[in-house]
Amino acid sequence: MTPEDRAKRSAAAMWENDHAARWAGMEIDQVGEGRASLSLTVEAHHCNGHSICHGGVTFMLADTAFAYACNSRNQSTVAQHNLISFLAPGRLGDRLTATATEISQTGRSGIYDVRVATQTGQVIAEFRGISRAIKGQLFDEDAES
């Protein structure tokens, strides 16, 4: 199995049980080894009292892209800690895309940067996630042979 095939199979296995991402309206745009891109369109229920996209929604999108990137090798991996910087607001109707890129993968730990941008390319948030691999896989690769 190629690394790209493994990443796609891992994403499909995660997506099957990812009720939160689907509930929020996210879509997987792209996955590959150590990378992922997910998007959502800001709807009224994503907006806060300032009529802008709630920071928690932006964080959730970034965190989800991070999750798909760090699980792309079919090794169950969770967030150890993360940080987000909000640079500009997302607005009703914006199409937000979170693009996660692996910066480092050493042993059981990884570092990932996620950029969240609007459909015009305006960066609205920068996120850094630190991952930790745990026991288990997303799908049984031996059954694939």
N, C-alpha and C. Protein backbone atom coordinates (compact mmCIF):
# COMPACT_ATOMS: atom_id res chain seq x y z
N MET A 1 0.84 -1.17 0.00
CA MET A 1 0.00 0.00 0.00
C MET A 1 0.90 1.25 0.00
N THR A 2 0.60 2.18 -0.87
CA THR A 2 1.40 3.41 -0.93
C THR A 2 1.05 4.32 0.26
N PRO A 3 1.94 5.24 0.60
CA PRO A 3 1.63 6.18 1.67
C PRO A 3 0.35 6.99 1.39
N GLU A 4 0.13 7.35 0.13
CA GLU A 4 -1.08 8.12 -0.23
C GLU A 4 -2.33 7.27 -0.05
N ASP A 5 -2.27 6.00 -0.45
CA ASP A 5 -3.41 5.10 -0.27
C ASP A 5 -3.69 4.90 1.22
N ARG A 6 -2.64 4.74 2.01
CA ARG A 6 -2.79 4.57 3.46
C ARG A 6 -3.46 5.80 4.08
N ALA A 7 -3.03 6.98 3.65
CA ALA A 7 -3.61 8.22 4.17
C ALA A 7 -5.11 8.31 3.82
N LYS A 8 -5.44 7.96 2.60
CA LYS A 8 -6.85 8.00 2.17
C LYS A 8 -7.70 6.97 2.93
N ARG A 9 -7.16 5.77 3.12
CA ARG A 9 -7.89 4.74 3.88
C ARG A 9 -8.04 5.15 5.34
N SER A 10 -6.99 5.75 5.91
CA SER A 10 -7.04 6.22 7.30
C SER A 10 -8.11 7.30 7.44
N ALA A 11 -8.14 8.24 6.51
CA ALA A 11 -9.13 9.31 6.55
C ALA A 11 -10.55 8.75 6.42
N ALA A 12 -10.74 7.79 5.54
CA ALA A 12 -12.06 7.19 5.36
C ALA A 12 -12.51 6.48 6.64
N ALA A 13 -11.57 5.80 7.29
CA ALA A 13 -11.92 5.10 8.54
C ALA A 13 -12.27 6.09 9.64
N MET A 14 -11.53 7.19 9.73
CA MET A 14 -11.84 8.22 10.73
C MET A 14 -13.18 8.88 10.43
N TRP A 15 -13.40 9.24 9.16
CA TRP A 15 -14.60 9.97 8.76
C TRP A 15 -15.87 9.18 9.08
N GLU A 16 -15.78 7.88 8.98
CA GLU A 16 -16.93 7.02 9.27
C GLU A 16 -17.49 7.27 10.67
N ASN A 17 -16.61 7.57 11.62
CA ASN A 17 -17.03 7.79 13.00
C ASN A 17 -16.93 9.25 13.45
N ASP A 18 -16.59 10.14 12.54
CA ASP A 18 -16.37 11.54 12.91
C ASP A 18 -17.69 12.33 12.82
N HIS A 19 -18.55 12.06 13.77
CA HIS A 19 -19.85 12.72 13.80
C HIS A 19 -19.72 14.22 14.04
N ALA A 20 -18.73 14.64 14.81
CA ALA A 20 -18.55 16.06 15.12
C ALA A 20 -18.23 16.86 13.86
N ALA A 21 -17.32 16.38 13.04
CA ALA A 21 -16.93 17.10 11.83
C ALA A 21 -18.11 17.19 10.86
N ARG A 22 -18.82 16.10 10.70
CA ARG A 22 -19.97 16.11 9.79
C ARG A 22 -21.06 17.02 10.33
N TRP A 23 -21.31 16.98 11.65
CA TRP A 23 -22.31 17.84 12.28
C TRP A 23 -21.98 19.32 12.06
N ALA A 24 -20.69 19.66 12.10
CA ALA A 24 -20.27 21.05 11.91
C ALA A 24 -20.33 21.48 10.45
N GLY A 25 -20.46 20.53 9.54
CA GLY A 25 -20.53 20.85 8.12
C GLY A 25 -19.21 20.80 7.39
N MET A 26 -18.23 20.12 7.98
CA MET A 26 -16.90 20.03 7.35
C MET A 26 -16.91 19.02 6.21
N GLU A 27 -15.97 19.24 5.29
CA GLU A 27 -15.72 18.32 4.20
C GLU A 27 -14.22 18.10 4.10
N ILE A 28 -13.83 16.87 3.76
CA ILE A 28 -12.41 16.58 3.52
C ILE A 28 -12.10 16.98 2.08
N ASP A 29 -11.13 17.86 1.91
CA ASP A 29 -10.72 18.28 0.57
C ASP A 29 -9.59 17.41 0.05
N GLN A 30 -8.62 17.12 0.93
CA GLN A 30 -7.43 16.42 0.49
C GLN A 30 -6.73 15.80 1.71
N VAL A 31 -6.18 14.61 1.51
CA VAL A 31 -5.34 13.98 2.53
C VAL A 31 -4.14 13.35 1.86
N GLY A 32 -3.06 13.29 2.59
CA GLY A 32 -1.84 12.63 2.13
C GLY A 32 -1.01 12.35 3.37
N GLU A 33 0.10 11.69 3.20
CA GLU A 33 0.94 11.38 4.34
C GLU A 33 1.42 12.67 5.02
N GLY A 34 1.00 12.87 6.26
CA GLY A 34 1.42 14.03 7.03
C GLY A 34 0.73 15.33 6.66
N ARG A 35 -0.35 15.25 5.90
CA ARG A 35 -1.05 16.47 5.51
C ARG A 35 -2.54 16.21 5.31
N ALA A 36 -3.31 17.27 5.48
CA ALA A 36 -4.75 17.18 5.25
C ALA A 36 -5.32 18.58 5.09
N SER A 37 -6.41 18.66 4.35
CA SER A 37 -7.10 19.92 4.15
C SER A 37 -8.60 19.65 4.28
N LEU A 38 -9.26 20.42 5.16
CA LEU A 38 -10.69 20.32 5.36
C LEU A 38 -11.31 21.71 5.26
N SER A 39 -12.57 21.76 4.84
CA SER A 39 -13.26 23.04 4.67
C SER A 39 -14.65 23.01 5.27
N LEU A 40 -15.17 24.20 5.53
CA LEU A 40 -16.57 24.38 5.87
C LEU A 40 -17.01 25.78 5.47
N THR A 41 -18.29 25.92 5.19
CA THR A 41 -18.87 27.22 4.89
C THR A 41 -19.49 27.76 6.16
N VAL A 42 -19.15 28.99 6.52
CA VAL A 42 -19.67 29.61 7.74
C VAL A 42 -21.15 29.90 7.55
N GLU A 43 -21.95 29.26 8.38
CA GLU A 43 -23.40 29.46 8.37
C GLU A 43 -23.80 30.21 9.64
N ALA A 44 -25.06 30.62 9.71
CA ALA A 44 -25.54 31.43 10.84
C ALA A 44 -25.26 30.74 12.18
N HIS A 45 -25.42 29.42 12.24
CA HIS A 45 -25.22 28.72 13.51
C HIS A 45 -23.74 28.62 13.91
N HIS A 46 -22.82 29.03 13.02
CA HIS A 46 -21.40 29.09 13.35
C HIS A 46 -20.99 30.45 13.91
N CYS A 47 -21.90 31.42 13.86
CA CYS A 47 -21.56 32.81 14.23
C CYS A 47 -21.89 33.10 15.69
N ASN A 48 -21.07 33.98 16.28
CA ASN A 48 -21.24 34.36 17.68
C ASN A 48 -22.03 35.67 17.79
N GLY A 49 -22.03 36.26 18.97
CA GLY A 49 -22.77 37.49 19.22
C GLY A 49 -22.23 38.71 18.51
N HIS A 50 -21.05 38.60 17.92
CA HIS A 50 -20.48 39.70 17.12
C HIS A 50 -20.78 39.50 15.64
N SER A 51 -21.57 38.47 15.33
CA SER A 51 -21.92 38.12 13.94
C SER A 51 -20.70 37.74 13.11
N ILE A 52 -19.71 37.14 13.78
CA ILE A 52 -18.54 36.58 13.08
C ILE A 52 -18.42 35.11 13.48
N CYS A 53 -17.62 34.39 12.72
CA CYS A 53 -17.45 32.96 13.01
C CYS A 53 -16.87 32.79 14.41
N HIS A 54 -17.52 31.97 15.20
CA HIS A 54 -17.08 31.69 16.57
C HIS A 54 -15.67 31.10 16.52
N GLY A 55 -14.81 31.57 17.41
CA GLY A 55 -13.44 31.07 17.46
C GLY A 55 -13.38 29.57 17.69
N GLY A 56 -14.35 29.03 18.43
CA GLY A 56 -14.38 27.60 18.66
C GLY A 56 -14.62 26.82 17.38
N VAL A 57 -15.37 27.39 16.45
CA VAL A 57 -15.61 26.74 15.16
C VAL A 57 -14.32 26.74 14.34
N THR A 58 -13.63 27.88 14.33
CA THR A 58 -12.36 27.97 13.62
C THR A 58 -11.36 26.99 14.22
N PHE A 59 -11.30 26.94 15.55
CA PHE A 59 -10.42 26.00 16.24
C PHE A 59 -10.78 24.56 15.88
N MET A 60 -12.08 24.25 15.88
CA MET A 60 -12.52 22.89 15.58
C MET A 60 -12.11 22.48 14.17
N LEU A 61 -12.23 23.38 13.22
CA LEU A 61 -11.82 23.08 11.85
C LEU A 61 -10.31 22.82 11.80
N ALA A 62 -9.52 23.69 12.42
CA ALA A 62 -8.06 23.51 12.43
C ALA A 62 -7.67 22.22 13.14
N ASP A 63 -8.30 21.95 14.27
CA ASP A 63 -8.00 20.75 15.04
C ASP A 63 -8.36 19.49 14.27
N THR A 64 -9.41 19.55 13.49
CA THR A 64 -9.83 18.39 12.70
C THR A 64 -8.85 18.13 11.56
N ALA A 65 -8.40 19.19 10.89
CA ALA A 65 -7.39 19.01 9.84
C ALA A 65 -6.11 18.41 10.44
N PHE A 66 -5.73 18.93 11.61
CA PHE A 66 -4.58 18.39 12.35
C PHE A 66 -4.77 16.90 12.61
N ALA A 67 -5.95 16.50 13.06
CA ALA A 67 -6.22 15.09 13.37
C ALA A 67 -6.06 14.20 12.14
N TYR A 68 -6.58 14.65 11.01
CA TYR A 68 -6.48 13.83 9.80
C TYR A 68 -5.03 13.75 9.31
N ALA A 69 -4.27 14.82 9.46
CA ALA A 69 -2.87 14.80 9.05
C ALA A 69 -2.05 13.87 9.95
N CYS A 70 -2.25 13.96 11.26
CA CYS A 70 -1.40 13.16 12.16
C CYS A 70 -1.83 11.70 12.24
N ASN A 71 -3.01 11.36 11.73
CA ASN A 71 -3.44 9.96 11.68
C ASN A 71 -3.25 9.35 10.30
N SER A 72 -2.57 10.05 9.42
CA SER A 72 -2.47 9.62 8.02
C SER A 72 -1.63 8.37 7.79
N ARG A 73 -0.89 7.95 8.81
CA ARG A 73 -0.06 6.74 8.66
C ARG A 73 -0.73 5.50 9.26
N ASN A 74 -2.02 5.61 9.57
CA ASN A 74 -2.78 4.50 10.14
C ASN A 74 -2.27 4.10 11.53
N GLN A 75 -1.72 5.05 12.23
CA GLN A 75 -1.33 4.86 13.63
C GLN A 75 -2.23 5.77 14.45
N SER A 76 -3.02 5.20 15.35
CA SER A 76 -3.91 6.02 16.16
C SER A 76 -3.10 7.09 16.88
N THR A 77 -3.50 8.34 16.68
CA THR A 77 -2.75 9.48 17.20
C THR A 77 -3.72 10.52 17.72
N VAL A 78 -3.39 11.12 18.85
CA VAL A 78 -4.26 12.11 19.48
C VAL A 78 -3.47 13.40 19.73
N ALA A 79 -4.19 14.46 20.03
CA ALA A 79 -3.55 15.74 20.35
C ALA A 79 -2.98 15.68 21.76
N GLN A 80 -1.77 16.16 21.90
CA GLN A 80 -1.16 16.29 23.22
C GLN A 80 -1.37 17.71 23.72
N HIS A 81 -1.15 18.68 22.86
CA HIS A 81 -1.51 20.06 23.15
C HIS A 81 -1.46 20.86 21.86
N ASN A 82 -2.07 22.04 21.88
CA ASN A 82 -2.08 22.88 20.70
C ASN A 82 -2.29 24.33 21.08
N LEU A 83 -2.11 25.20 20.09
CA LEU A 83 -2.19 26.64 20.27
C LEU A 83 -2.76 27.23 19.00
N ILE A 84 -3.63 28.22 19.14
CA ILE A 84 -4.16 28.90 17.96
C ILE A 84 -4.02 30.40 18.14
N SER A 85 -3.70 31.07 17.04
CA SER A 85 -3.68 32.53 17.01
C SER A 85 -4.71 32.96 15.98
N PHE A 86 -5.66 33.79 16.42
CA PHE A 86 -6.69 34.31 15.53
C PHE A 86 -6.19 35.61 14.93
N LEU A 87 -6.17 35.71 13.62
CA LEU A 87 -5.60 36.86 12.93
C LEU A 87 -6.66 37.77 12.32
N ALA A 88 -7.80 37.20 11.96
CA ALA A 88 -8.90 37.97 11.37
C ALA A 88 -10.17 37.13 11.55
N PRO A 89 -11.33 37.77 11.49
CA PRO A 89 -12.57 37.00 11.66
C PRO A 89 -13.01 36.31 10.38
N GLY A 90 -13.63 35.14 10.56
CA GLY A 90 -14.37 34.53 9.48
C GLY A 90 -15.76 35.12 9.51
N ARG A 91 -16.39 35.24 8.36
CA ARG A 91 -17.69 35.88 8.29
C ARG A 91 -18.73 34.96 7.66
N LEU A 92 -19.98 35.25 7.96
CA LEU A 92 -21.10 34.48 7.40
C LEU A 92 -20.91 34.34 5.88
N GLY A 93 -20.99 33.12 5.39
CA GLY A 93 -20.84 32.84 3.97
C GLY A 93 -19.42 32.51 3.54
N ASP A 94 -18.42 32.81 4.38
CA ASP A 94 -17.04 32.48 4.03
C ASP A 94 -16.86 30.97 3.92
N ARG A 95 -16.04 30.57 2.99
CA ARG A 95 -15.62 29.17 2.89
C ARG A 95 -14.24 29.11 3.54
N LEU A 96 -14.16 28.49 4.71
CA LEU A 96 -12.90 28.38 5.44
C LEU A 96 -12.24 27.05 5.12
N THR A 97 -10.94 27.11 4.87
CA THR A 97 -10.17 25.90 4.60
C THR A 97 -9.00 25.85 5.57
N ALA A 98 -8.88 24.72 6.25
CA ALA A 98 -7.77 24.47 7.17
C ALA A 98 -6.82 23.49 6.50
N THR A 99 -5.58 23.91 6.33
CA THR A 99 -4.58 23.08 5.69
C THR A 99 -3.50 22.74 6.70
N ALA A 100 -3.39 21.44 7.00
CA ALA A 100 -2.44 20.95 8.00
C ALA A 100 -1.23 20.35 7.31
N THR A 101 -0.06 20.70 7.85
CA THR A 101 1.20 20.22 7.30
C THR A 101 2.08 19.71 8.44
N GLU A 102 2.62 18.53 8.25
CA GLU A 102 3.53 17.97 9.24
C GLU A 102 4.87 18.71 9.19
N ILE A 103 5.32 19.13 10.37
CA ILE A 103 6.61 19.82 10.49
C ILE A 103 7.68 18.84 10.96
N SER A 104 7.30 17.96 11.88
CA SER A 104 8.25 17.00 12.44
C SER A 104 7.50 15.76 12.89
N GLN A 105 8.11 14.60 12.68
CA GLN A 105 7.58 13.32 13.16
C GLN A 105 8.76 12.54 13.71
N THR A 106 8.81 12.42 15.04
CA THR A 106 9.92 11.72 15.69
C THR A 106 9.35 10.78 16.73
N GLY A 107 9.59 9.49 16.56
CA GLY A 107 9.06 8.52 17.51
C GLY A 107 7.55 8.61 17.56
N ARG A 108 7.00 8.79 18.76
CA ARG A 108 5.55 8.87 18.94
C ARG A 108 5.02 10.30 18.90
N SER A 109 5.89 11.29 18.70
CA SER A 109 5.48 12.69 18.76
C SER A 109 5.59 13.35 17.40
N GLY A 110 4.64 14.26 17.14
CA GLY A 110 4.65 15.01 15.90
C GLY A 110 4.30 16.46 16.14
N ILE A 111 4.73 17.31 15.22
CA ILE A 111 4.39 18.73 15.25
C ILE A 111 3.75 19.07 13.91
N TYR A 112 2.61 19.76 13.97
CA TYR A 112 1.85 20.10 12.77
C TYR A 112 1.44 21.56 12.81
N ASP A 113 1.58 22.23 11.68
CA ASP A 113 1.07 23.59 11.53
C ASP A 113 -0.17 23.56 10.67
N VAL A 114 -1.17 24.34 11.07
CA VAL A 114 -2.42 24.42 10.33
C VAL A 114 -2.72 25.88 10.06
N ARG A 115 -2.96 26.19 8.82
CA ARG A 115 -3.35 27.54 8.41
C ARG A 115 -4.82 27.48 8.02
N VAL A 116 -5.61 28.42 8.57
CA VAL A 116 -7.02 28.53 8.21
C VAL A 116 -7.18 29.80 7.39
N ALA A 117 -7.73 29.66 6.19
CA ALA A 117 -7.89 30.79 5.28
C ALA A 117 -9.29 30.80 4.68
N THR A 118 -9.69 31.98 4.21
CA THR A 118 -10.97 32.14 3.53
C THR A 118 -10.82 31.79 2.06
N GLN A 119 -11.94 31.81 1.35
CA GLN A 119 -11.95 31.52 -0.08
C GLN A 119 -11.11 32.52 -0.88
N THR A 120 -10.84 33.71 -0.33
CA THR A 120 -10.00 34.70 -1.03
C THR A 120 -8.53 34.54 -0.67
N GLY A 121 -8.21 33.62 0.22
CA GLY A 121 -6.83 33.41 0.64
C GLY A 121 -6.44 34.18 1.88
N GLN A 122 -7.38 34.95 2.45
CA GLN A 122 -7.06 35.69 3.67
C GLN A 122 -6.86 34.70 4.82
N VAL A 123 -5.72 34.74 5.46
CA VAL A 123 -5.44 33.86 6.59
C VAL A 123 -6.13 34.43 7.81
N ILE A 124 -6.97 33.60 8.44
CA ILE A 124 -7.70 34.07 9.63
C ILE A 124 -7.18 33.44 10.91
N ALA A 125 -6.41 32.34 10.80
CA ALA A 125 -5.87 31.71 12.01
C ALA A 125 -4.67 30.85 11.67
N GLU A 126 -3.76 30.77 12.63
CA GLU A 126 -2.60 29.87 12.56
C GLU A 126 -2.65 29.00 13.81
N PHE A 127 -2.50 27.71 13.62
CA PHE A 127 -2.66 26.70 14.69
C PHE A 127 -1.41 25.83 14.68
N ARG A 128 -0.91 25.49 15.83
CA ARG A 128 0.17 24.50 15.94
C ARG A 128 -0.32 23.40 16.86
N GLY A 129 -0.23 22.17 16.38
CA GLY A 129 -0.64 21.01 17.16
C GLY A 129 0.52 20.07 17.41
N ILE A 130 0.55 19.55 18.61
CA ILE A 130 1.55 18.54 19.00
C ILE A 130 0.79 17.24 19.20
N SER A 131 1.21 16.21 18.51
CA SER A 131 0.50 14.93 18.55
C SER A 131 1.29 13.88 19.31
N ARG A 132 0.56 12.85 19.71
CA ARG A 132 1.17 11.71 20.40
C ARG A 132 0.50 10.44 19.88
N ALA A 133 1.29 9.53 19.34
CA ALA A 133 0.76 8.25 18.87
C ALA A 133 0.41 7.37 20.07
N ILE A 134 -0.70 6.66 19.96
CA ILE A 134 -1.16 5.74 21.00
C ILE A 134 -1.30 4.36 20.37
N LYS A 135 -1.74 3.40 21.15
CA LYS A 135 -1.92 2.04 20.64
C LYS A 135 -3.09 2.00 19.66
N GLY A 136 -2.93 1.18 18.63
CA GLY A 136 -4.02 0.91 17.72
C GLY A 136 -3.84 1.52 16.35
N GLN A 137 -4.67 1.02 15.44
CA GLN A 137 -4.70 1.50 14.07
C GLN A 137 -6.15 1.85 13.71
N LEU A 138 -6.31 2.60 12.64
CA LEU A 138 -7.63 3.01 12.19
C LEU A 138 -8.31 1.90 11.37
N PHE A 139 -7.50 1.12 10.67
CA PHE A 139 -8.01 -0.02 9.91
C PHE A 139 -6.96 -1.12 9.91
N ASP A 140 -7.38 -2.33 9.68
CA ASP A 140 -6.50 -3.49 9.71
C ASP A 140 -5.82 -3.65 8.36
N GLU A 141 -4.56 -3.28 8.30
CA GLU A 141 -3.83 -3.37 7.03
C GLU A 141 -3.60 -4.81 6.61
N ASP A 142 -3.50 -5.73 7.58
CA ASP A 142 -3.29 -7.13 7.22
C ASP A 142 -4.48 -7.69 6.47
N ALA A 143 -5.68 -7.17 6.79
CA ALA A 143 -6.89 -7.62 6.09
C ALA A 143 -6.93 -7.08 4.67
N GLU A 144 -6.12 -6.06 4.39
CA GLU A 144 -6.08 -5.44 3.06
C GLU A 144 -5.23 -6.23 2.09
N SER A 145 -4.34 -7.07 2.60
CA SER A 145 -3.39 -7.80 1.73
C SER A 145 -4.05 -8.90 0.96
